[in-house]
Amino acid sequence: GCTALPATPDNLENALSQLTSLPDLVITDSQVFDSVEQIIPKGVRLTSFSILMAAYKGDIDFFVKSAKKITELNGKSRILIAEACSHAPASEDIGRVKIPAMLKKRYGDGMKIEIVSGKDFPENLGVYDLIIHCGSCMFNRKMVMSRIEKAKEANVPMTNYGVAIAHLKGILDKVTY
């Protein structure tokens, strides 16, 4: 069997010390990949809830291939961030604040980032250089795959939050999916 350990940086060291053997996998929030990656012992695989959702509901291979296109972006790139739910965003929202800040830090403030939520999804995807989608906990697989197919038809790369963050943090090759 496989032992998985859900963890945050705050509880990980304590949780690891209480185990009689190391877990096979540590599952964390994509936003804390770099902190958790430094704590887990060598040989323990790492992933996030978002990446697990990408593999379960989407096309993980397409998301990984698309995330690699992030290196081709520039200060004039146009990005679509798509959220499945239409909740009131938190002040430190991952899709509305954190990912745009990461991209703008790397490519400058000239980057155009548009955000849609709920069932809103633009008809003309061809105007975007990249689509970054949430984990889609509010959507079923059919809905996610429909959006992926639309992106593929428009020849626009599409990834999800966790895969994009892993790529931006330089650890995409270290996460398991």
Protein backbone atom coordinates (compact mmCIF):
# COMPACT_ATOMS: atom_id res chain seq x y z
CA GLY A 1 0.00 0.00 0.00
CA CYS A 2 0.86 3.63 -0.33
CA THR A 3 1.12 5.98 2.62
CA ALA A 4 0.16 9.59 1.90
CA LEU A 5 0.62 12.44 4.31
CA PRO A 6 -1.43 15.63 3.91
CA ALA A 7 0.81 18.41 5.22
CA THR A 8 1.47 22.09 5.66
CA PRO A 9 4.92 23.51 6.47
CA ASP A 10 3.72 24.14 10.05
CA ASN A 11 2.79 20.54 10.84
CA LEU A 12 5.06 18.55 8.52
CA GLU A 13 8.16 18.12 10.66
CA ASN A 14 6.05 17.11 13.67
CA ALA A 15 3.95 14.70 11.57
CA LEU A 16 7.06 13.09 10.05
CA SER A 17 8.64 12.62 13.50
CA GLN A 18 5.56 10.73 14.73
CA LEU A 19 5.54 8.20 11.88
CA THR A 20 7.19 4.81 12.26
CA SER A 21 8.18 4.89 8.57
CA LEU A 22 8.37 7.60 5.95
CA PRO A 23 5.31 8.20 3.78
CA ASP A 24 5.49 7.42 0.08
CA LEU A 25 3.88 10.74 -0.79
CA VAL A 26 3.35 14.16 0.79
CA ILE A 27 0.33 16.14 -0.43
CA THR A 28 0.37 19.87 0.20
CA ASP A 29 -1.03 23.14 -1.07
CA SER A 30 0.72 24.30 -4.25
CA GLN A 31 1.38 27.70 -2.68
CA VAL A 32 3.83 26.17 -0.18
CA PHE A 33 5.65 23.77 -2.52
CA ASP A 34 9.04 25.36 -1.93
CA SER A 35 8.77 25.22 1.88
CA VAL A 36 7.51 21.64 1.98
CA GLU A 37 9.98 20.48 -0.67
CA GLN A 38 12.84 21.59 1.59
CA ILE A 39 11.46 19.69 4.60
CA ILE A 40 10.58 16.27 3.16
CA PRO A 41 13.30 13.62 3.15
CA LYS A 42 14.88 12.54 -0.13
CA GLY A 43 12.93 9.77 -1.80
CA VAL A 44 9.53 10.97 -0.55
CA ARG A 45 7.38 12.11 -3.46
CA LEU A 46 5.58 15.44 -3.40
CA THR A 47 2.37 16.65 -5.01
CA SER A 48 -0.46 19.06 -4.34
CA PHE A 49 -4.23 18.91 -4.15
CA SER A 50 -4.41 20.96 -7.35
CA ILE A 51 -2.17 18.55 -9.26
CA LEU A 52 -4.18 15.57 -8.03
CA MET A 53 -7.34 17.32 -9.25
CA ALA A 54 -5.67 18.00 -12.60
CA ALA A 55 -4.89 14.31 -13.01
CA TYR A 56 -8.35 13.24 -11.82
CA LYS A 57 -10.50 15.73 -13.73
CA GLY A 58 -8.33 16.95 -16.56
CA ASP A 59 -5.50 16.07 -18.91
CA ILE A 60 -2.39 16.19 -16.73
CA ASP A 61 -0.03 15.59 -19.66
CA PHE A 62 -1.50 18.58 -21.54
CA PHE A 63 -1.31 20.71 -18.38
CA VAL A 64 2.38 19.86 -17.86
CA LYS A 65 3.25 20.43 -21.52
CA SER A 66 1.34 23.73 -21.42
CA ALA A 67 3.05 24.88 -18.21
CA LYS A 68 6.38 24.64 -19.99
CA LYS A 69 5.10 27.37 -22.34
CA ILE A 70 5.34 29.79 -19.40
CA THR A 71 9.01 30.22 -20.32
CA GLU A 72 7.90 31.63 -23.70
CA LEU A 73 5.78 34.39 -22.17
CA ASN A 74 6.84 38.03 -22.14
CA GLY A 75 5.71 41.37 -20.75
CA LYS A 76 3.04 41.70 -23.43
CA SER A 77 1.56 38.22 -23.08
CA ARG A 78 -2.15 37.83 -22.49
CA ILE A 79 -3.17 35.31 -19.83
CA LEU A 80 -6.62 34.00 -18.96
CA ILE A 81 -7.12 32.81 -15.39
CA ALA A 82 -10.27 30.72 -15.11
CA GLU A 83 -11.91 29.83 -11.80
CA ALA A 84 -14.61 27.20 -11.67
CA CYS A 85 -16.40 28.65 -8.68
CA SER A 86 -17.85 32.10 -8.31
CA HIS A 87 -17.03 32.58 -4.62
CA ALA A 88 -16.14 35.94 -3.14
CA PRO A 89 -12.33 36.03 -3.49
CA ALA A 90 -10.12 36.25 -0.42
CA SER A 91 -7.66 39.12 -0.16
CA GLU A 92 -4.76 36.73 -0.88
CA ASP A 93 -6.64 34.73 -3.53
CA ILE A 94 -4.38 32.35 -5.44
CA GLY A 95 -5.89 32.97 -8.88
CA ARG A 96 -6.62 36.67 -8.59
CA VAL A 97 -3.60 37.79 -6.56
CA LYS A 98 -0.79 35.27 -6.08
CA ILE A 99 -0.40 33.76 -9.57
CA PRO A 100 -0.72 37.16 -11.32
CA ALA A 101 1.91 38.55 -8.90
CA MET A 102 4.29 35.66 -9.70
CA LEU A 103 3.87 36.19 -13.43
CA LYS A 104 4.24 39.97 -13.25
CA LYS A 105 7.32 39.65 -11.04
CA ARG A 106 8.92 37.54 -13.76
CA TYR A 107 7.61 39.34 -16.88
CA GLY A 108 6.65 42.85 -15.77
CA ASP A 109 3.46 44.78 -15.23
CA GLY A 110 2.67 45.03 -18.95
CA MET A 111 1.34 41.48 -18.97
CA LYS A 112 -2.42 41.40 -19.50
CA ILE A 113 -4.20 39.05 -17.11
CA GLU A 114 -7.94 38.50 -17.38
CA ILE A 115 -9.97 36.56 -14.86
CA VAL A 116 -13.25 34.71 -15.38
CA SER A 117 -15.21 32.69 -12.87
CA GLY A 118 -18.02 30.20 -12.71
CA LYS A 119 -19.44 29.14 -16.04
CA ASP A 120 -18.00 32.21 -17.81
CA PHE A 121 -15.40 31.11 -20.35
CA PRO A 122 -14.57 33.21 -23.41
CA GLU A 123 -15.59 31.96 -26.85
CA ASN A 124 -12.47 33.39 -28.53
CA LEU A 125 -9.59 31.72 -26.73
CA GLY A 126 -7.19 32.42 -29.58
CA VAL A 127 -6.39 35.87 -28.17
CA TYR A 128 -4.63 34.33 -25.15
CA ASP A 129 -1.07 33.10 -24.86
CA LEU A 130 -1.90 30.83 -21.93
CA ILE A 131 -4.89 29.70 -19.85
CA ILE A 132 -4.36 28.89 -16.18
CA HIS A 133 -7.32 27.07 -14.64
CA CYS A 134 -8.13 26.38 -11.00
CA GLY A 135 -8.30 22.83 -9.68
CA SER A 136 -11.99 22.63 -10.67
CA CYS A 137 -13.35 21.20 -7.46
CA MET A 138 -16.73 22.67 -8.43
CA PHE A 139 -16.71 21.11 -11.94
CA ASN A 140 -17.02 17.53 -13.06
CA ARG A 141 -14.51 15.92 -15.43
CA LYS A 142 -16.75 16.48 -18.46
CA MET A 143 -16.79 20.25 -17.88
CA VAL A 144 -13.00 20.42 -17.42
CA MET A 145 -12.34 18.28 -20.48
CA SER A 146 -14.70 20.49 -22.50
CA ARG A 147 -12.60 23.54 -21.61
CA ILE A 148 -9.39 21.67 -22.42
CA GLU A 149 -10.78 20.69 -25.83
CA LYS A 150 -11.72 24.32 -26.54
CA ALA A 151 -8.19 25.40 -25.64
CA LYS A 152 -6.69 22.69 -27.86
CA GLU A 153 -8.97 23.69 -30.76
CA ALA A 154 -7.77 27.30 -30.37
CA ASN A 155 -4.15 26.08 -30.13
CA VAL A 156 -3.77 27.78 -26.75
CA PRO A 157 -1.80 26.07 -23.96
CA MET A 158 -3.77 25.46 -20.78
CA THR A 159 -2.52 24.41 -17.38
CA ASN A 160 -3.83 24.58 -13.84
CA TYR A 161 -2.83 26.47 -10.73
CA GLY A 162 -0.72 23.75 -9.12
CA VAL A 163 1.14 22.77 -12.27
CA ALA A 164 1.80 26.43 -13.14
CA ILE A 165 3.07 27.20 -9.63
CA ALA A 166 5.32 24.14 -9.65
CA HIS A 167 6.78 25.29 -12.96
CA LEU A 168 7.22 28.89 -11.77
CA LYS A 169 9.00 27.63 -8.64
CA GLY A 170 11.26 25.38 -10.71
CA ILE A 171 10.08 22.09 -9.21
CA LEU A 172 7.65 20.77 -11.82
CA ASP A 173 9.95 17.82 -12.46
CA LYS A 174 9.89 16.96 -8.73
CA VAL A 175 6.15 16.79 -8.19
CA THR A 176 4.22 13.58 -8.65
CA TYR A 177 0.96 13.27 -10.46
